[in-house]
C-alpha atoms as a PDB file:
ATOM      1  CA  MET A   1       0.058  -0.072   0.045  1.00  0.00           C
ATOM      2  CA  LEU A   2       2.929   2.326   0.868  1.00  0.00           C
ATOM      3  CA  LEU A   3       4.722   1.409  -2.223  1.00  0.00           C
ATOM      4  CA  GLU A   4       1.379   2.045  -4.467  1.00  0.00           C
ATOM      5  CA  LYS A   5       1.032   5.972  -2.792  1.00  0.00           C
ATOM      6  CA  SER A   6       4.769   6.454  -3.302  1.00  0.00           C
ATOM      7  CA  GLU A   7       4.694   5.501  -7.155  1.00  0.00           C
ATOM      8  CA  ALA A   8       1.277   7.707  -7.413  1.00  0.00           C
ATOM      9  CA  LYS A   9       3.092  10.366  -5.856  1.00  0.00           C
ATOM     10  CA  ARG A  10       6.094   9.925  -8.023  1.00  0.00           C
ATOM     11  CA  LYS A  11       4.096  10.266 -11.211  1.00  0.00           C
ATOM     12  CA  GLN A  12       1.856  13.220  -9.636  1.00  0.00           C
ATOM     13  CA  VAL A  13       5.120  14.602  -9.424  1.00  0.00           C
ATOM     14  CA  GLU A  14       6.599  13.770 -13.045  1.00  0.00           C
ATOM     15  CA  GLU A  15       3.554  15.526 -14.425  1.00  0.00           C
ATOM     16  CA  ALA A  16       3.305  18.411 -12.836  1.00  0.00           C
ATOM     17  CA  LEU A  17       7.267  18.946 -14.059  1.00  0.00           C
ATOM     18  CA  LYS A  18       6.526  18.073 -17.608  1.00  0.00           C
ATOM     19  CA  SER A  19       3.616  20.762 -17.697  1.00  0.00           C
ATOM     20  CA  SER A  20       6.135  23.087 -15.886  1.00  0.00           C
ATOM     21  CA  SER A  21       8.748  22.453 -18.706  1.00  0.00           C
ATOM     22  CA  LEU A  22       6.271  22.813 -21.428  1.00  0.00           C
ATOM     23  CA  ALA A  23       4.716  25.950 -20.059  1.00  0.00           C
ATOM     24  CA  THR A  24       8.673  27.280 -19.730  1.00  0.00           C
ATOM     25  CA  GLU A  25       9.329  25.961 -23.309  1.00  0.00           C
ATOM     26  CA  THR A  26       6.443  27.306 -25.134  1.00  0.00           C
ATOM     27  CA  SER A  27       5.725  30.849 -23.268  1.00  0.00           C
ATOM     28  CA  MET A  28       6.066  33.907 -24.682  1.00  0.00           C
ATOM     29  CA  SER A  29       7.781  35.619 -21.864  1.00  0.00           C
ATOM     30  CA  ALA A  30      11.691  35.342 -22.467  1.00  0.00           C
ATOM     31  CA  ILE A  31      13.229  33.230 -19.715  1.00  0.00           C
ATOM     32  CA  PHE A  32      16.680  32.118 -19.106  1.00  0.00           C
ATOM     33  CA  ILE A  33      18.541  30.501 -16.607  1.00  0.00           C
ATOM     34  CA  ALA A  34      22.399  31.287 -15.511  1.00  0.00           C
ATOM     35  CA  ASP A  35      24.475  29.471 -13.395  1.00  0.00           C
ATOM     36  CA  ILE A  36      26.078  31.218 -10.339  1.00  0.00           C
ATOM     37  CA  MET A  37      28.948  32.799 -12.944  1.00  0.00           C
ATOM     38  CA  GLY A  38      26.510  34.073 -15.165  1.00  0.00           C
ATOM     39  CA  ILE A  39      26.684  31.140 -17.843  1.00  0.00           C
ATOM     40  CA  ILE A  40      23.501  30.701 -19.637  1.00  0.00           C
ATOM     41  CA  THR A  41      22.878  26.953 -18.880  1.00  0.00           C
ATOM     42  CA  TYR A  42      18.879  27.059 -20.436  1.00  0.00           C
ATOM     43  CA  THR A  43      17.006  29.879 -21.952  1.00  0.00           C
ATOM     44  CA  ASN A  44      13.718  28.936 -24.167  1.00  0.00           C
ATOM     45  CA  ILE A  45      12.952  30.137 -28.146  1.00  0.00           C
ATOM     46  CA  SER A  46      11.252  33.393 -27.284  1.00  0.00           C
ATOM     47  CA  ARG A  47      14.677  34.767 -25.425  1.00  0.00           C
ATOM     48  CA  ALA A  48      16.654  33.163 -27.942  1.00  0.00           C
ATOM     49  CA  LYS A  49      14.740  34.920 -30.759  1.00  0.00           C
ATOM     50  CA  MET A  50      14.614  38.283 -28.692  1.00  0.00           C
ATOM     51  CA  TRP A  51      18.140  38.023 -28.955  1.00  0.00           C
ATOM     52  CA  GLY A  52      18.496  37.247 -32.384  1.00  0.00           C
ATOM     53  CA  TYR A  53      19.183  33.709 -32.230  1.00  0.00           C
ATOM     54  CA  LYS A  54      17.338  30.806 -34.270  1.00  0.00           C
ATOM     55  CA  ASN A  55      17.480  28.512 -31.878  1.00  0.00           C
ATOM     56  CA  THR A  56      18.280  28.209 -27.826  1.00  0.00           C
ATOM     57  CA  GLY A  57      21.494  25.820 -28.473  1.00  0.00           C
ATOM     58  CA  GLU A  58      23.481  29.123 -29.528  1.00  0.00           C
ATOM     59  CA  MET A  59      22.938  31.131 -26.455  1.00  0.00           C
ATOM     60  CA  VAL A  60      23.757  28.140 -23.887  1.00  0.00           C
ATOM     61  CA  GLY A  61      27.351  28.550 -22.528  1.00  0.00           C
ATOM     62  CA  THR A  62      27.353  32.313 -22.793  1.00  0.00           C
ATOM     63  CA  ASN A  63      27.415  34.586 -20.505  1.00  0.00           C
ATOM     64  CA  ALA A  64      24.383  36.505 -19.690  1.00  0.00           C
ATOM     65  CA  VAL A  65      25.730  40.095 -19.092  1.00  0.00           C
ATOM     66  CA  GLU A  66      26.390  40.257 -22.710  1.00  0.00           C
ATOM     67  CA  TYR A  67      23.159  40.805 -23.558  1.00  0.00           C
ATOM     68  CA  TRP A  68      22.113  43.450 -21.348  1.00  0.00           C
ATOM     69  CA  THR A  69      22.305  47.120 -22.865  1.00  0.00           C
ATOM     70  CA  GLU A  70      24.909  49.273 -22.386  1.00  0.00           C
ATOM     71  CA  SER A  71      22.323  51.274 -19.827  1.00  0.00           C
ATOM     72  CA  THR A  72      21.401  48.346 -17.673  1.00  0.00           C
ATOM     73  CA  ARG A  73      24.564  46.148 -17.818  1.00  0.00           C
ATOM     74  CA  GLY A  74      25.916  47.900 -14.801  1.00  0.00           C
ATOM     75  CA  LYS A  75      22.897  46.290 -12.458  1.00  0.00           C
ATOM     76  CA  ALA A  76      23.628  43.155 -14.383  1.00  0.00           C
ATOM     77  CA  GLU A  77      27.106  43.374 -13.064  1.00  0.00           C
ATOM     78  CA  GLU A  78      25.522  44.253  -9.476  1.00  0.00           C
ATOM     79  CA  VAL A  79      23.214  41.248  -9.594  1.00  0.00           C
ATOM     80  CA  THR A  80      25.992  38.933 -10.845  1.00  0.00           C
ATOM     81  CA  ARG A  81      28.314  39.970  -7.515  1.00  0.00           C
ATOM     82  CA  THR A  82      25.560  40.244  -5.045  1.00  0.00           C
ATOM     83  CA  LEU A  83      24.793  36.555  -6.549  1.00  0.00           C
ATOM     84  CA  LEU A  84      28.393  35.356  -5.792  1.00  0.00           C
ATOM     85  CA  ALA A  85      28.574  37.129  -2.480  1.00  0.00           C
ATOM     86  CA  LYS A  86      25.288  36.439  -0.967  1.00  0.00           C
ATOM     87  CA  GLY A  87      24.226  33.242  -2.887  1.00  0.00           C
ATOM     88  CA  ASN A  88      21.402  34.604  -3.937  1.00  0.00           C
ATOM     89  CA  ALA A  89      19.973  38.338  -5.581  1.00  0.00           C
ATOM     90  CA  VAL A  90      16.689  40.050  -6.260  1.00  0.00           C
ATOM     91  CA  THR A  91      15.502  39.878  -9.892  1.00  0.00           C
ATOM     92  CA  TYR A  92      15.942  42.956 -12.236  1.00  0.00           C
ATOM     93  CA  GLY A  93      12.994  45.421 -11.351  1.00  0.00           C
ATOM     94  CA  GLU A  94      12.705  44.046  -7.891  1.00  0.00           C
ATOM     95  CA  SER A  95      13.815  46.395  -4.644  1.00  0.00           C
ATOM     96  CA  LYS A  96      16.746  45.217  -2.892  1.00  0.00           C
ATOM     97  CA  LYS A  97      15.441  44.357   0.885  1.00  0.00           C
ATOM     98  CA  ASN A  98      18.300  44.055   3.378  1.00  0.00           C
END
């Protein structure tokens, strides 16, 4: 009985992850994920197209700061420094709470 519940829970979690992944992949919102050093590890097609790429693979492995405009690059670098120093950072546009 316990094994059946565990298997049912695992399937439920897998389905939730699939739905989340599909929503991220097909979202019209531009989404990317970078590691602690700012290296892009994931991007959806909307973000890739926004920055002029034909596919997402062209962006993976590049530094996210490269894609910020001159006027916002300082903020990107600040977020990266904060992330390295504290282990977390606010998203661009949010206010800092210390």
